[in-house]
N, C-alpha and C. Protein backbone atom coordinates (compact mmCIF):
# COMPACT_ATOMS: atom_id res chain seq x y z
N CYS A 1 149.34 -6.34 80.66
CA CYS A 1 150.22 -5.04 81.08
C CYS A 1 150.44 -4.17 79.96
N LEU A 2 151.45 -5.19 79.28
CA LEU A 2 151.35 -4.79 77.69
C LEU A 2 149.92 -4.04 76.72
N LYS A 3 149.01 -4.56 76.59
CA LYS A 3 148.17 -4.67 76.04
C LYS A 3 147.15 -2.98 76.77
N ASP A 4 147.39 -3.33 77.98
CA ASP A 4 146.73 -2.02 78.96
C ASP A 4 147.67 -0.75 78.26
N LEU A 5 149.00 -1.07 78.54
CA LEU A 5 150.10 0.09 77.89
C LEU A 5 149.21 0.44 76.38
N GLU A 6 149.43 -0.51 75.54
CA GLU A 6 148.90 -0.19 74.05
C GLU A 6 147.67 0.37 74.11
N MET A 7 146.49 0.02 74.60
CA MET A 7 145.58 0.91 74.90
C MET A 7 145.35 2.14 75.44
N ARG A 8 145.95 2.23 76.19
CA ARG A 8 146.23 3.60 76.92
C ARG A 8 147.22 4.78 75.86
N ILE A 9 148.09 3.94 75.13
CA ILE A 9 149.02 5.12 74.28
C ILE A 9 147.94 5.20 72.90
N GLU A 10 147.04 4.11 72.78
CA GLU A 10 145.82 4.55 71.69
C GLU A 10 144.77 5.82 72.10
N GLN A 11 144.78 5.52 73.10
CA GLN A 11 143.54 6.58 73.97
C GLN A 11 144.49 7.71 73.81
N LEU A 12 145.89 7.80 73.96
CA LEU A 12 146.53 9.16 74.32
C LEU A 12 146.64 9.84 72.65
N LYS A 13 146.62 9.01 71.62
CA LYS A 13 146.80 9.51 70.73
C LYS A 13 145.42 10.15 69.82
N GLU A 14 144.13 9.15 70.61
CA GLU A 14 142.92 9.76 70.41
C GLU A 14 142.83 11.31 70.81
N ASN A 15 143.05 11.36 71.87
CA ASN A 15 142.47 12.38 72.58
C ASN A 15 143.97 13.50 72.24
N GLU A 16 144.97 13.25 71.59
CA GLU A 16 145.95 14.37 71.17
C GLU A 16 145.41 14.49 70.06
N HIS A 17 144.53 13.94 69.25
CA HIS A 17 143.96 13.79 67.82
C HIS A 17 142.56 15.11 68.10
N VAL A 18 141.89 14.85 69.27
CA VAL A 18 141.07 15.80 69.59
C VAL A 18 141.66 17.02 70.51
N LEU A 19 142.55 17.17 70.89
CA LEU A 19 142.99 18.09 71.70
C LEU A 19 143.53 19.14 70.16
N GLN A 20 144.29 18.50 69.12
CA GLN A 20 144.52 19.09 67.78
C GLN A 20 143.42 19.86 67.33
N HIS A 21 142.26 19.11 67.19
CA HIS A 21 140.84 19.59 66.41
C HIS A 21 141.06 20.40 67.48
N ASP A 22 140.62 20.56 68.58
CA ASP A 22 140.33 21.83 69.18
C ASP A 22 140.92 22.55 69.14
N LYS A 23 142.32 22.66 69.63
CA LYS A 23 143.37 23.83 69.09
C LYS A 23 142.87 24.40 67.92
N GLU A 24 142.69 23.23 66.90
CA GLU A 24 142.70 24.39 65.42
C GLU A 24 141.41 25.13 65.28
N MET A 25 140.43 24.33 66.23
CA MET A 25 139.23 25.37 66.29
C MET A 25 139.39 26.45 66.58
N LEU A 26 140.23 26.84 67.82
CA LEU A 26 140.41 27.62 68.75
C LEU A 26 140.79 29.08 67.90
N LEU A 27 141.85 28.38 67.27
CA LEU A 27 143.10 29.32 66.34
C LEU A 27 142.07 29.95 65.12
N LYS A 28 140.78 29.41 64.67
CA LYS A 28 139.84 29.82 63.64
C LYS A 28 139.28 30.66 64.57
N GLU A 29 138.76 30.45 65.63
CA GLU A 29 137.83 31.31 66.17
C GLU A 29 138.34 32.56 66.86
N LYS A 30 139.88 32.39 67.16
CA LYS A 30 140.84 33.56 67.67
C LYS A 30 140.74 34.52 66.53
N ASP A 31 140.88 33.74 65.15
CA ASP A 31 141.38 34.79 63.71
C ASP A 31 139.84 35.70 63.45
N LEU A 32 138.79 34.66 63.36
CA LEU A 32 137.75 35.32 63.29
C LEU A 32 137.40 36.59 64.59
N ILE A 33 137.62 36.13 65.99
CA ILE A 33 137.46 37.49 67.00
C ILE A 33 138.59 38.67 66.49
N GLU A 34 139.39 38.27 66.01
CA GLU A 34 140.55 39.32 65.21
C GLU A 34 140.04 40.47 64.16
N GLN A 35 139.51 39.46 63.23
CA GLN A 35 139.22 40.36 62.12
C GLN A 35 137.94 40.86 62.81
N GLU A 36 136.53 40.63 63.55
CA GLU A 36 135.53 41.56 63.90
C GLU A 36 136.41 42.33 65.02
N SER A 37 137.20 42.29 65.39
CA SER A 37 137.93 43.45 66.36
C SER A 37 138.24 44.14 65.44
N LYS A 38 139.10 44.05 64.24
CA LYS A 38 139.39 45.02 63.38
C LYS A 38 138.36 45.79 62.79
N ARG A 39 137.25 45.11 62.36
CA ARG A 39 136.50 45.46 61.68
C ARG A 39 135.97 46.52 62.30
N PHE A 40 135.26 46.35 63.85
CA PHE A 40 134.36 47.02 64.84
C PHE A 40 135.57 48.66 64.92
N ASN A 41 137.13 48.23 65.21
CA ASN A 41 137.72 49.36 65.45
C ASN A 41 137.83 50.16 64.06
N GLN A 42 137.75 49.56 62.72
CA GLN A 42 137.80 50.75 61.54
C GLN A 42 136.47 51.58 61.63
N ARG A 43 134.94 50.30 62.12
CA ARG A 43 133.83 51.40 62.07
C ARG A 43 133.96 52.27 63.60
N HIS A 44 134.53 52.20 64.42
CA HIS A 44 135.01 53.11 65.25
C HIS A 44 135.36 54.41 64.96
N ASP A 45 136.89 54.26 64.10
CA ASP A 45 137.29 55.09 63.83
C ASP A 45 136.86 56.00 62.84
N GLU A 46 135.83 55.34 61.75
CA GLU A 46 135.26 56.14 60.75
C GLU A 46 133.67 56.92 61.31
N MET A 47 133.34 56.22 62.57
CA MET A 47 132.31 57.07 62.97
C MET A 47 132.91 58.38 64.13
N ILE A 48 133.98 58.12 64.41
CA ILE A 48 135.04 59.01 65.24
C ILE A 48 135.21 59.98 63.92
N LEU A 49 135.65 59.97 62.91
CA LEU A 49 135.80 60.90 61.67
C LEU A 49 134.66 61.69 61.47
N ALA A 50 133.70 61.05 61.05
CA ALA A 50 132.79 61.42 60.89
C ALA A 50 131.94 62.45 61.98
N PHE A 51 132.18 62.05 62.91
CA PHE A 51 131.50 62.99 64.17
C PHE A 51 131.91 63.97 64.16
N ALA A 52 133.82 64.20 64.12
CA ALA A 52 134.52 65.19 64.02
C ALA A 52 134.28 66.09 63.14
N ASN A 53 133.90 65.76 61.87
CA ASN A 53 133.55 66.37 60.28
C ASN A 53 132.28 67.04 60.76
N GLU A 54 131.20 66.58 61.32
CA GLU A 54 130.02 66.88 61.80
C GLU A 54 130.43 68.16 62.70
N LYS A 55 131.02 67.81 63.73
CA LYS A 55 131.19 68.58 64.54
C LYS A 55 132.00 70.11 63.99
N ASP A 56 132.80 69.59 63.06
CA ASP A 56 133.50 71.13 62.51
C ASP A 56 132.60 71.68 61.63
N ASP A 57 131.51 70.76 60.97
CA ASP A 57 130.74 71.63 60.07
C ASP A 57 129.66 72.79 60.96
N LEU A 58 129.33 71.57 61.83
CA LEU A 58 128.34 72.87 63.05
C LEU A 58 129.52 73.90 63.64
N GLU A 59 130.40 73.91 63.94
CA GLU A 59 131.16 74.76 64.44
C GLU A 59 131.07 76.12 63.45
N GLU A 60 131.13 75.63 62.20
CA GLU A 60 131.62 76.90 60.91
C GLU A 60 130.15 77.28 60.97
N ALA A 61 129.22 76.70 60.58
CA ALA A 61 127.53 77.13 60.98
C ALA A 61 127.29 77.84 61.89
N TYR A 62 127.91 77.69 63.13
CA TYR A 62 127.53 78.26 64.49
C TYR A 62 128.01 79.69 64.07
N GLN A 63 129.36 79.52 63.67
CA GLN A 63 130.48 80.73 63.63
C GLN A 63 129.88 81.85 62.61
N ALA A 64 129.25 81.33 61.55
CA ALA A 64 128.65 82.43 60.03
C ALA A 64 127.84 82.92 61.19
N GLN A 65 126.40 82.07 61.45
CA GLN A 65 125.31 82.62 62.33
C GLN A 65 125.62 83.78 63.41
N LEU A 66 126.54 83.55 64.14
CA LEU A 66 127.05 84.48 65.09
C LEU A 66 127.43 85.66 64.24
N GLN A 67 128.15 85.74 63.09
CA GLN A 67 128.72 86.55 62.55
C GLN A 67 127.67 87.41 61.87
N LEU A 68 126.76 86.64 61.20
CA LEU A 68 125.16 87.38 60.86
C LEU A 68 124.63 88.01 61.73
N LEU A 69 124.79 87.57 62.95
CA LEU A 69 123.94 88.36 63.86
C LEU A 69 124.76 89.48 64.75
N GLN A 70 126.04 89.43 64.68
CA GLN A 70 126.57 90.69 64.87
C GLN A 70 126.53 91.57 64.37
N GLN A 71 126.52 91.20 62.93
CA GLN A 71 126.19 92.14 61.51
C GLN A 71 124.98 93.01 62.00
N LYS A 72 123.87 92.12 61.79
CA LYS A 72 122.49 92.78 62.32
C LYS A 72 122.45 93.40 63.65
N LEU A 73 123.20 93.19 64.48
CA LEU A 73 123.28 93.82 65.61
C LEU A 73 124.17 95.03 65.58
N ASN A 74 125.09 95.31 65.03
CA ASN A 74 125.43 96.47 64.59
C ASN A 74 124.90 97.58 63.85
N THR A 75 123.88 96.85 62.88
CA THR A 75 123.33 97.37 62.02
C THR A 75 122.24 98.21 63.07
N ALA A 76 121.37 97.67 63.85
CA ALA A 76 120.21 97.83 64.64
C ALA A 76 121.29 98.88 65.56
N GLN A 77 122.12 98.85 66.08
CA GLN A 77 122.58 99.80 66.80
C GLN A 77 122.91 101.43 65.87
N GLU A 78 123.32 100.65 64.92
CA GLU A 78 123.52 102.08 63.97
C GLU A 78 122.10 102.84 63.76
N LYS A 79 121.04 102.27 63.14
CA LYS A 79 119.91 102.86 63.26
C LYS A 79 119.46 103.61 63.97
N ASP A 80 119.76 102.52 65.23
CA ASP A 80 119.18 103.25 66.63
C ASP A 80 119.90 104.78 66.85
N LEU A 81 120.96 104.94 66.70
CA LEU A 81 121.70 105.99 66.78
C LEU A 81 121.28 106.71 65.60
N GLU A 82 120.96 106.51 64.80
CA GLU A 82 120.16 108.00 63.48
C GLU A 82 118.93 108.15 63.97
N ASN A 83 118.50 107.43 64.34
CA ASN A 83 116.84 107.59 65.04
C ASN A 83 117.25 108.44 65.95
N SER A 84 117.87 108.27 67.29
CA SER A 84 118.50 109.50 67.93
C SER A 84 118.26 110.98 67.34
N LYS A 85 119.76 110.80 66.27
CA LYS A 85 119.92 111.94 65.95
C LYS A 85 118.92 112.43 65.20
N LEU A 86 118.09 112.01 64.87
CA LEU A 86 116.97 112.34 63.89
C LEU A 86 115.94 113.21 64.62
N LYS A 87 115.39 112.48 65.99
CA LYS A 87 114.49 113.08 66.89
C LYS A 87 115.33 114.15 67.62
N SER A 88 116.42 114.29 67.74
CA SER A 88 116.79 115.54 68.64
C SER A 88 116.94 116.62 67.20
N LEU A 89 117.41 116.49 66.01
CA LEU A 89 116.89 117.58 65.06
C LEU A 89 115.63 118.02 64.76
N VAL A 90 114.66 116.99 65.01
CA VAL A 90 113.33 117.21 64.97
C VAL A 90 112.66 118.21 66.05
N ASN A 91 113.18 117.69 67.13
CA ASN A 91 112.99 118.72 68.33
C ASN A 91 113.79 119.83 67.91
N LEU A 92 114.80 119.98 67.89
CA LEU A 92 115.43 121.67 67.56
C LEU A 92 114.56 122.36 66.24
N LEU A 93 114.24 121.63 65.47
CA LEU A 93 113.20 121.79 64.37
C LEU A 93 111.95 122.69 64.64
N GLU A 94 111.52 121.79 65.89
CA GLU A 94 110.04 122.24 66.49
C GLU A 94 110.41 123.48 66.97
N GLU A 95 111.51 123.51 67.97
CA GLU A 95 111.71 124.58 68.75
C GLU A 95 112.11 125.80 67.96
N ASN A 96 112.61 125.49 66.66
CA ASN A 96 113.01 126.85 65.53
C ASN A 96 111.45 127.31 65.05
N ALA A 97 110.60 126.62 65.11
CA ALA A 97 109.42 126.87 64.55
C ALA A 97 108.68 127.48 65.11
N GLU A 98 108.64 127.17 66.56
CA GLU A 98 107.84 127.98 67.36
C GLU A 98 108.57 129.45 67.87
N GLN A 99 110.06 129.20 67.74
CA GLN A 99 110.62 130.35 67.58
C GLN A 99 110.07 131.61 66.98
N ALA A 100 110.03 130.82 65.86
CA ALA A 100 109.73 131.92 64.20
C ALA A 100 108.12 131.94 64.40
N ASP A 101 107.10 131.38 65.03
CA ASP A 101 106.25 131.60 65.41
C ASP A 101 105.99 132.79 66.25
N SER A 102 106.71 132.54 66.92
CA SER A 102 106.55 133.61 68.56
C SER A 102 107.12 135.03 67.51
N LEU A 103 108.17 134.99 66.73
CA LEU A 103 108.62 135.94 65.98
C LEU A 103 107.99 136.58 65.31
N ILE A 104 107.23 135.88 64.23
CA ILE A 104 105.93 136.53 63.57
C ILE A 104 104.87 136.91 64.12
N THR A 105 104.59 136.61 65.35
CA THR A 105 103.65 137.17 66.24
C THR A 105 103.81 138.59 66.40
N THR A 106 105.25 138.51 67.07
CA THR A 106 105.82 139.75 67.45
C THR A 106 105.71 140.52 66.44
N LEU A 107 106.43 139.91 65.23
CA LEU A 107 106.22 141.05 63.85
C LEU A 107 104.83 141.93 63.64
N GLU A 108 104.08 140.81 63.90
CA GLU A 108 102.73 141.56 63.16
C GLU A 108 102.09 142.25 64.00
N HIS A 109 102.44 142.16 65.36
CA HIS A 109 101.96 143.10 66.55
C HIS A 109 102.59 144.36 66.50
N THR A 110 103.77 144.42 65.76
CA THR A 110 104.65 145.43 65.85
C THR A 110 104.20 146.32 64.52
N ILE A 111 103.93 145.72 63.28
CA ILE A 111 103.55 146.25 62.23
C ILE A 111 101.98 146.61 62.52
N ASN A 112 101.07 146.17 63.17
CA ASN A 112 100.04 146.71 62.94
C ASN A 112 99.87 147.25 64.43
N SER A 113 100.72 147.85 65.15
CA SER A 113 100.61 149.01 66.05
C SER A 113 100.94 150.27 65.71
């Protein structure tokens, strides 16, 4: 019986040693997982920051392009207005030319009569 107890104690000591070794391996694995998690989180944060910066850059470029297009639209509208005024002026000049031709014709008839 004593021999069995001694063997049982020895077996428990071996089991304790194996369990201690397993515990150490699990702690090392836990540390590795925590380190990898930290690296992943850091890369994730860096990617978010890079995307945020890229988004800001794109928004700035979009706003600049929008402003340029607005300026071009304003210029086109101003030119359209100028063209409308010029067309009106040309129409008035043509009407004046017709009236002047008519007046000249009337004067010529009057002079010749």
